[in-house]
Amino acid sequence: MGGGKNKTRFYLGISMILIGVLLWLLNIYPLGGGLILGGVLLLISNMYYARKPETETITDERIERINDKAGHYAFWITV
């Protein structure tokens, strides 16, 4: 289902950490720290998602509709 997506997120997390370290070394601390933190969180969430059984990640039409409605309401709350 998401084998390529997991690899892409893994490489994205690693590259965010490396760019963050580079910016940290260039004394751009807020941006570097934010990228490092974001990369670490992305790697952690990717590891959590990769360890889930495939049956837990399958969404049916009912769950998809609930998520669509929740996104719609969240959009109008932020507007």
PDB file of N, CA and C in Angstrom:
ATOM      1  N   MET A   1       0.818  -1.197   0.000  1.00  0.00           N
ATOM      2  CA  MET A   1       0.000   0.000   0.000  1.00  0.00           C
ATOM      3  C   MET A   1       0.857   1.254   0.000  1.00  0.00           C
ATOM      4  N   GLY A   2       1.706   1.449   1.006  1.00  0.00           N
ATOM      5  CA  GLY A   2       2.441   2.694   1.100  1.00  0.00           C
ATOM      6  C   GLY A   2       3.927   2.495   1.211  1.00  0.00           C
ATOM      7  N   GLY A   3       4.497   1.481   0.549  1.00  0.00           N
ATOM      8  CA  GLY A   3       5.918   1.217   0.660  1.00  0.00           C
ATOM      9  C   GLY A   3       6.759   2.370   0.150  1.00  0.00           C
ATOM     10  N   GLY A   4       6.416   2.910  -1.009  1.00  0.00           N
ATOM     11  CA  GLY A   4       7.161   4.036  -1.553  1.00  0.00           C
ATOM     12  C   GLY A   4       6.959   5.299  -0.758  1.00  0.00           C
ATOM     13  N   LYS A   5       5.761   5.457  -0.215  1.00  0.00           N
ATOM     14  CA  LYS A   5       5.471   6.636   0.589  1.00  0.00           C
ATOM     15  C   LYS A   5       6.305   6.629   1.872  1.00  0.00           C
ATOM     16  N   ASN A   6       6.490   5.446   2.478  1.00  0.00           N
ATOM     17  CA  ASN A   6       7.287   5.351   3.691  1.00  0.00           C
ATOM     18  C   ASN A   6       8.743   5.687   3.415  1.00  0.00           C
ATOM     19  N   LYS A   7       9.279   5.220   2.279  1.00  0.00           N
ATOM     20  CA  LYS A   7      10.662   5.540   1.924  1.00  0.00           C
ATOM     21  C   LYS A   7      10.822   7.032   1.689  1.00  0.00           C
ATOM     22  N   THR A   8       9.860   7.625   1.015  1.00  0.00           N
ATOM     23  CA  THR A   8       9.933   9.055   0.741  1.00  0.00           C
ATOM     24  C   THR A   8       9.913   9.856   2.029  1.00  0.00           C
ATOM     25  N   ARG A   9       9.042   9.488   2.965  1.00  0.00           N
ATOM     26  CA  ARG A   9       8.985  10.198   4.239  1.00  0.00           C
ATOM     27  C   ARG A   9      10.253   9.995   5.047  1.00  0.00           C
ATOM     28  N   PHE A  10      10.845   8.799   4.955  1.00  0.00           N
ATOM     29  CA  PHE A  10      12.093   8.541   5.664  1.00  0.00           C
ATOM     30  C   PHE A  10      13.199   9.442   5.127  1.00  0.00           C
ATOM     31  N   TYR A  11      13.349   9.496   3.806  1.00  0.00           N
ATOM     32  CA  TYR A  11      14.383  10.334   3.208  1.00  0.00           C
ATOM     33  C   TYR A  11      14.110  11.813   3.459  1.00  0.00           C
ATOM     34  N   LEU A  12      12.854  12.199   3.472  1.00  0.00           N
ATOM     35  CA  LEU A  12      12.505  13.582   3.765  1.00  0.00           C
ATOM     36  C   LEU A  12      12.883  13.946   5.197  1.00  0.00           C
ATOM     37  N   GLY A  13      12.622  13.046   6.140  1.00  0.00           N
ATOM     38  CA  GLY A  13      12.984  13.297   7.533  1.00  0.00           C
ATOM     39  C   GLY A  13      14.484  13.414   7.710  1.00  0.00           C
ATOM     40  N   ILE A  14      15.243  12.512   7.081  1.00  0.00           N
ATOM     41  CA  ILE A  14      16.706  12.557   7.168  1.00  0.00           C
ATOM     42  C   ILE A  14      17.240  13.842   6.545  1.00  0.00           C
ATOM     43  N   SER A  15      16.702  14.228   5.389  1.00  0.00           N
ATOM     44  CA  SER A  15      17.188  15.451   4.740  1.00  0.00           C
ATOM     45  C   SER A  15      16.815  16.692   5.545  1.00  0.00           C
ATOM     46  N   MET A  16      15.650  16.687   6.193  1.00  0.00           N
ATOM     47  CA  MET A  16      15.298  17.823   7.048  1.00  0.00           C
ATOM     48  C   MET A  16      16.282  17.950   8.202  1.00  0.00           C
ATOM     49  N   ILE A  17      16.664  16.829   8.795  1.00  0.00           N
ATOM     50  CA  ILE A  17      17.622  16.862   9.899  1.00  0.00           C
ATOM     51  C   ILE A  17      18.973  17.368   9.409  1.00  0.00           C
ATOM     52  N   LEU A  18      19.439  16.887   8.263  1.00  0.00           N
ATOM     53  CA  LEU A  18      20.741  17.315   7.749  1.00  0.00           C
ATOM     54  C   LEU A  18      20.753  18.794   7.379  1.00  0.00           C
ATOM     55  N   ILE A  19      19.691  19.276   6.757  1.00  0.00           N
ATOM     56  CA  ILE A  19      19.609  20.705   6.429  1.00  0.00           C
ATOM     57  C   ILE A  19      19.533  21.528   7.706  1.00  0.00           C
ATOM     58  N   GLY A  20      18.814  21.025   8.710  1.00  0.00           N
ATOM     59  CA  GLY A  20      18.741  21.716   9.991  1.00  0.00           C
ATOM     60  C   GLY A  20      20.088  21.812  10.670  1.00  0.00           C
ATOM     61  N   VAL A  21      20.868  20.732  10.620  1.00  0.00           N
ATOM     62  CA  VAL A  21      22.216  20.758  11.208  1.00  0.00           C
ATOM     63  C   VAL A  21      23.092  21.750  10.451  1.00  0.00           C
ATOM     64  N   LEU A  22      22.979  21.772   9.134  1.00  0.00           N
ATOM     65  CA  LEU A  22      23.756  22.722   8.336  1.00  0.00           C
ATOM     66  C   LEU A  22      23.398  24.163   8.700  1.00  0.00           C
ATOM     67  N   LEU A  23      22.109  24.453   8.827  1.00  0.00           N
ATOM     68  CA  LEU A  23      21.692  25.803   9.204  1.00  0.00           C
ATOM     69  C   LEU A  23      22.115  26.133  10.630  1.00  0.00           C
ATOM     70  N   TRP A  24      22.121  25.134  11.510  1.00  0.00           N
ATOM     71  CA  TRP A  24      22.570  25.344  12.890  1.00  0.00           C
ATOM     72  C   TRP A  24      24.050  25.723  12.893  1.00  0.00           C
ATOM     73  N   LEU A  25      24.848  25.062  12.038  1.00  0.00           N
ATOM     74  CA  LEU A  25      26.277  25.374  11.961  1.00  0.00           C
ATOM     75  C   LEU A  25      26.523  26.750  11.353  1.00  0.00           C
ATOM     76  N   LEU A  26      25.584  27.223  10.550  1.00  0.00           N
ATOM     77  CA  LEU A  26      25.699  28.561   9.960  1.00  0.00           C
ATOM     78  C   LEU A  26      25.114  29.640  10.872  1.00  0.00           C
ATOM     79  N   ASN A  27      24.849  29.281  12.127  1.00  0.00           N
ATOM     80  CA  ASN A  27      24.336  30.193  13.162  1.00  0.00           C
ATOM     81  C   ASN A  27      22.940  30.728  12.856  1.00  0.00           C
ATOM     82  N   ILE A  28      22.137  29.961  12.166  1.00  0.00           N
ATOM     83  CA  ILE A  28      20.729  30.292  11.967  1.00  0.00           C
ATOM     84  C   ILE A  28      19.955  29.335  12.869  1.00  0.00           C
ATOM     85  N   TYR A  29      19.991  29.626  14.159  1.00  0.00           N
ATOM     86  CA  TYR A  29      19.502  28.684  15.163  1.00  0.00           C
ATOM     87  C   TYR A  29      17.999  28.405  15.111  1.00  0.00           C
ATOM     88  N   PRO A  30      17.129  29.412  14.986  1.00  0.00           N
ATOM     89  CA  PRO A  30      15.688  29.085  15.013  1.00  0.00           C
ATOM     90  C   PRO A  30      15.255  28.190  13.847  1.00  0.00           C
ATOM     91  N   LEU A  31      15.717  28.503  12.654  1.00  0.00           N
ATOM     92  CA  LEU A  31      15.331  27.708  11.486  1.00  0.00           C
ATOM     93  C   LEU A  31      15.972  26.324  11.525  1.00  0.00           C
ATOM     94  N   GLY A  32      17.238  26.272  11.928  1.00  0.00           N
ATOM     95  CA  GLY A  32      17.918  24.984  12.030  1.00  0.00           C
ATOM     96  C   GLY A  32      17.287  24.095  13.078  1.00  0.00           C
ATOM     97  N   GLY A  33      16.989  24.663  14.243  1.00  0.00           N
ATOM     98  CA  GLY A  33      16.354  23.883  15.305  1.00  0.00           C
ATOM     99  C   GLY A  33      14.972  23.406  14.911  1.00  0.00           C
ATOM    100  N   GLY A  34      14.226  24.252  14.217  1.00  0.00           N
ATOM    101  CA  GLY A  34      12.893  23.858  13.765  1.00  0.00           C
ATOM    102  C   GLY A  34      12.940  22.724  12.757  1.00  0.00           C
ATOM    103  N   LEU A  35      13.896  22.785  11.836  1.00  0.00           N
ATOM    104  CA  LEU A  35      14.021  21.704  10.852  1.00  0.00           C
ATOM    105  C   LEU A  35      14.478  20.401  11.501  1.00  0.00           C
ATOM    106  N   ILE A  36      15.385  20.501  12.468  1.00  0.00           N
ATOM    107  CA  ILE A  36      15.822  19.293  13.175  1.00  0.00           C
ATOM    108  C   ILE A  36      14.651  18.674  13.921  1.00  0.00           C
ATOM    109  N   LEU A  37      13.899  19.497  14.636  1.00  0.00           N
ATOM    110  CA  LEU A  37      12.749  18.995  15.388  1.00  0.00           C
ATOM    111  C   LEU A  37      11.695  18.402  14.451  1.00  0.00           C
ATOM    112  N   GLY A  38      11.412  19.086  13.350  1.00  0.00           N
ATOM    113  CA  GLY A  38      10.437  18.581  12.385  1.00  0.00           C
ATOM    114  C   GLY A  38      10.880  17.268  11.756  1.00  0.00           C
ATOM    115  N   GLY A  39      12.166  17.154  11.440  1.00  0.00           N
ATOM    116  CA  GLY A  39      12.678  15.914  10.868  1.00  0.00           C
ATOM    117  C   GLY A  39      12.600  14.748  11.837  1.00  0.00           C
ATOM    118  N   VAL A  40      12.923  15.009  13.112  1.00  0.00           N
ATOM    119  CA  VAL A  40      12.845  13.950  14.122  1.00  0.00           C
ATOM    120  C   VAL A  40      11.397  13.510  14.309  1.00  0.00           C
ATOM    121  N   LEU A  41      10.474  14.463  14.377  1.00  0.00           N
ATOM    122  CA  LEU A  41       9.062  14.107  14.532  1.00  0.00           C
ATOM    123  C   LEU A  41       8.543  13.335  13.322  1.00  0.00           C
ATOM    124  N   LEU A  42       8.985  13.707  12.133  1.00  0.00           N
ATOM    125  CA  LEU A  42       8.572  12.984  10.933  1.00  0.00           C
ATOM    126  C   LEU A  42       9.099  11.551  10.944  1.00  0.00           C
ATOM    127  N   LEU A  43      10.344  11.368  11.385  1.00  0.00           N
ATOM    128  CA  LEU A  43      10.892  10.015  11.471  1.00  0.00           C
ATOM    129  C   LEU A  43      10.149   9.175  12.503  1.00  0.00           C
ATOM    130  N   ILE A  44       9.825   9.774  13.649  1.00  0.00           N
ATOM    131  CA  ILE A  44       9.108   9.036  14.693  1.00  0.00           C
ATOM    132  C   ILE A  44       7.720   8.636  14.208  1.00  0.00           C
ATOM    133  N   SER A  45       7.006   9.572  13.570  1.00  0.00           N
ATOM    134  CA  SER A  45       5.667   9.231  13.080  1.00  0.00           C
ATOM    135  C   SER A  45       5.734   8.190  11.965  1.00  0.00           C
ATOM    136  N   ASN A  46       6.770   8.241  11.149  1.00  0.00           N
ATOM    137  CA  ASN A  46       6.932   7.250  10.085  1.00  0.00           C
ATOM    138  C   ASN A  46       7.214   5.869  10.666  1.00  0.00           C
ATOM    139  N   MET A  47       8.036   5.797  11.712  1.00  0.00           N
ATOM    140  CA  MET A  47       8.296   4.504  12.347  1.00  0.00           C
ATOM    141  C   MET A  47       7.034   3.953  12.996  1.00  0.00           C
ATOM    142  N   TYR A  48       6.242   4.823  13.603  1.00  0.00           N
ATOM    143  CA  TYR A  48       4.986   4.381  14.215  1.00  0.00           C
ATOM    144  C   TYR A  48       4.036   3.836  13.154  1.00  0.00           C
ATOM    145  N   TYR A  49       3.920   4.539  12.049  1.00  0.00           N
ATOM    146  CA  TYR A  49       3.020   4.112  10.976  1.00  0.00           C
ATOM    147  C   TYR A  49       3.502   2.818  10.326  1.00  0.00           C
ATOM    148  N   ALA A  50       4.815   2.663  10.179  1.00  0.00           N
ATOM    149  CA  ALA A  50       5.360   1.468   9.532  1.00  0.00           C
ATOM    150  C   ALA A  50       5.161   0.222  10.388  1.00  0.00           C
ATOM    151  N   ARG A  51       5.083   0.374  11.703  1.00  0.00           N
ATOM    152  CA  ARG A  51       4.929  -0.780  12.585  1.00  0.00           C
ATOM    153  C   ARG A  51       3.475  -1.194  12.773  1.00  0.00           C
ATOM    154  N   LYS A  52       2.531  -0.380  12.319  1.00  0.00           N
ATOM    155  CA  LYS A  52       1.119  -0.740  12.443  1.00  0.00           C
ATOM    156  C   LYS A  52       0.789  -1.893  11.507  1.00  0.00           C
ATOM    157  N   PRO A  53      -0.071  -2.797  11.959  1.00  0.00           N
ATOM    158  CA  PRO A  53      -0.522  -3.848  11.035  1.00  0.00           C
ATOM    159  C   PRO A  53      -1.324  -3.238   9.882  1.00  0.00           C
ATOM    160  N   GLU A  54      -1.304  -3.908   8.766  1.00  0.00           N
ATOM    161  CA  GLU A  54      -1.977  -3.388   7.570  1.00  0.00           C
ATOM    162  C   GLU A  54      -3.483  -3.259   7.782  1.00  0.00           C
ATOM    163  N   THR A  55      -4.071  -4.073   8.656  1.00  0.00           N
ATOM    164  CA  THR A  55      -5.513  -4.016   8.873  1.00  0.00           C
ATOM    165  C   THR A  55      -5.927  -2.747   9.606  1.00  0.00           C
ATOM    166  N   GLU A  56      -5.010  -2.132  10.367  1.00  0.00           N
ATOM    167  CA  GLU A  56      -5.360  -0.910  11.088  1.00  0.00           C
ATOM    168  C   GLU A  56      -5.330   0.317  10.194  1.00  0.00           C
ATOM    169  N   THR A  57      -4.653   0.250   9.072  1.00  0.00           N
ATOM    170  CA  THR A  57      -4.502   1.424   8.223  1.00  0.00           C
ATOM    171  C   THR A  57      -5.507   1.472   7.076  1.00  0.00           C
ATOM    172  N   ILE A  58      -6.308   0.438   6.901  1.00  0.00           N
ATOM    173  CA  ILE A  58      -7.296   0.414   5.818  1.00  0.00           C
ATOM    174  C   ILE A  58      -8.487   1.287   6.223  1.00  0.00           C
ATOM    175  N   THR A  59      -8.853   2.213   5.345  1.00  0.00           N
ATOM    176  CA  THR A  59     -10.008   3.066   5.615  1.00  0.00           C
ATOM    177  C   THR A  59     -11.135   2.680   4.668  1.00  0.00           C
ATOM    178  N   ASP A  60     -12.325   2.559   5.220  1.00  0.00           N
ATOM    179  CA  ASP A  60     -13.471   2.275   4.372  1.00  0.00           C
ATOM    180  C   ASP A  60     -14.170   3.591   4.030  1.00  0.00           C
ATOM    181  N   GLU A  61     -15.275   3.504   3.312  1.00  0.00           N
ATOM    182  CA  GLU A  61     -15.969   4.705   2.856  1.00  0.00           C
ATOM    183  C   GLU A  61     -16.535   5.513   4.017  1.00  0.00           C
ATOM    184  N   ARG A  62     -16.972   4.836   5.067  1.00  0.00           N
ATOM    185  CA  ARG A  62     -17.572   5.538   6.205  1.00  0.00           C
ATOM    186  C   ARG A  62     -16.522   6.392   6.926  1.00  0.00           C
ATOM    187  N   ILE A  63     -15.353   5.827   7.169  1.00  0.00           N
ATOM    188  CA  ILE A  63     -14.291   6.573   7.842  1.00  0.00           C
ATOM    189  C   ILE A  63     -13.806   7.708   6.953  1.00  0.00           C
ATOM    190  N   GLU A  64     -13.740   7.452   5.652  1.00  0.00           N
ATOM    191  CA  GLU A  64     -13.319   8.494   4.723  1.00  0.00           C
ATOM    192  C   GLU A  64     -14.304   9.664   4.735  1.00  0.00           C
ATOM    193  N   ARG A  65     -15.588   9.381   4.797  1.00  0.00           N
ATOM    194  CA  ARG A  65     -16.619  10.430   4.847  1.00  0.00           C
ATOM    195  C   ARG A  65     -16.529  11.210   6.151  1.00  0.00           C
ATOM    196  N   ILE A  66     -16.300  10.525   7.265  1.00  0.00           N
ATOM    197  CA  ILE A  66     -16.156  11.207   8.554  1.00  0.00           C
ATOM    198  C   ILE A  66     -14.955  12.146   8.518  1.00  0.00           C
ATOM    199  N   ASN A  67     -13.847  11.692   7.955  1.00  0.00           N
ATOM    200  CA  ASN A  67     -12.654  12.535   7.862  1.00  0.00           C
ATOM    201  C   ASN A  67     -12.890  13.734   6.951  1.00  0.00           C
ATOM    202  N   ASP A  68     -13.630  13.542   5.860  1.00  0.00           N
ATOM    203  CA  ASP A  68     -13.952  14.655   4.972  1.00  0.00           C
ATOM    204  C   ASP A  68     -14.796  15.706   5.684  1.00  0.00           C
ATOM    205  N   LYS A  69     -15.793  15.257   6.439  1.00  0.00           N
ATOM    206  CA  LYS A  69     -16.645  16.204   7.164  1.00  0.00           C
ATOM    207  C   LYS A  69     -15.848  16.933   8.239  1.00  0.00           C
ATOM    208  N   ALA A  70     -14.956  16.223   8.929  1.00  0.00           N
ATOM    209  CA  ALA A  70     -14.139  16.854   9.962  1.00  0.00           C
ATOM    210  C   ALA A  70     -13.213  17.899   9.352  1.00  0.00           C
ATOM    211  N   GLY A  71     -12.636  17.584   8.204  1.00  0.00           N
ATOM    212  CA  GLY A  71     -11.785  18.552   7.522  1.00  0.00           C
ATOM    213  C   GLY A  71     -12.563  19.766   7.057  1.00  0.00           C
ATOM    214  N   HIS A  72     -13.774  19.543   6.580  1.00  0.00           N
ATOM    215  CA  HIS A  72     -14.627  20.645   6.135  1.00  0.00           C
ATOM    216  C   HIS A  72     -14.947  21.582   7.295  1.00  0.00           C
ATOM    217  N   TYR A  73     -15.345  21.011   8.424  1.00  0.00           N
ATOM    218  CA  TYR A  73     -15.670  21.839   9.586  1.00  0.00           C
ATOM    219  C   TYR A  73     -14.431  22.545  10.134  1.00  0.00           C
ATOM    220  N   ALA A  74     -13.288  21.875  10.127  1.00  0.00           N
ATOM    221  CA  ALA A  74     -12.053  22.511  10.604  1.00  0.00           C
ATOM    222  C   ALA A  74     -11.674  23.679   9.699  1.00  0.00           C
ATOM    223  N   PHE A  75     -11.900  23.529   8.389  1.00  0.00           N
ATOM    224  CA  PHE A  75     -11.613  24.621   7.470  1.00  0.00           C
ATOM    225  C   PHE A  75     -12.474  25.838   7.788  1.00  0.00           C
ATOM    226  N   TRP A  76     -13.772  25.625   7.999  1.00  0.00           N
ATOM    227  CA  TRP A  76     -14.649  26.756   8.253  1.00  0.00           C
ATOM    228  C   TRP A  76     -14.418  27.369   9.627  1.00  0.00           C
ATOM    229  N   ILE A  77     -13.926  26.601  10.573  1.00  0.00           N
ATOM    230  CA  ILE A  77     -13.585  27.173  11.879  1.00  0.00           C
ATOM    231  C   ILE A  77     -12.379  28.088  11.749  1.00  0.00           C
ATOM    232  N   THR A  78     -11.395  27.689  10.941  1.00  0.00           N
ATOM    233  CA  THR A  78     -10.204  28.528  10.795  1.00  0.00           C
ATOM    234  C   THR A  78     -10.467  29.751   9.934  1.00  0.00           C
ATOM    235  N   VAL A  79     -11.465  29.684   9.052  1.00  0.00           N
ATOM    236  CA  VAL A  79     -11.786  30.851   8.228  1.00  0.00           C
ATOM    237  C   VAL A  79     -12.518  31.835   9.103  1.00  0.00           C
TER     238      VAL A  79
END
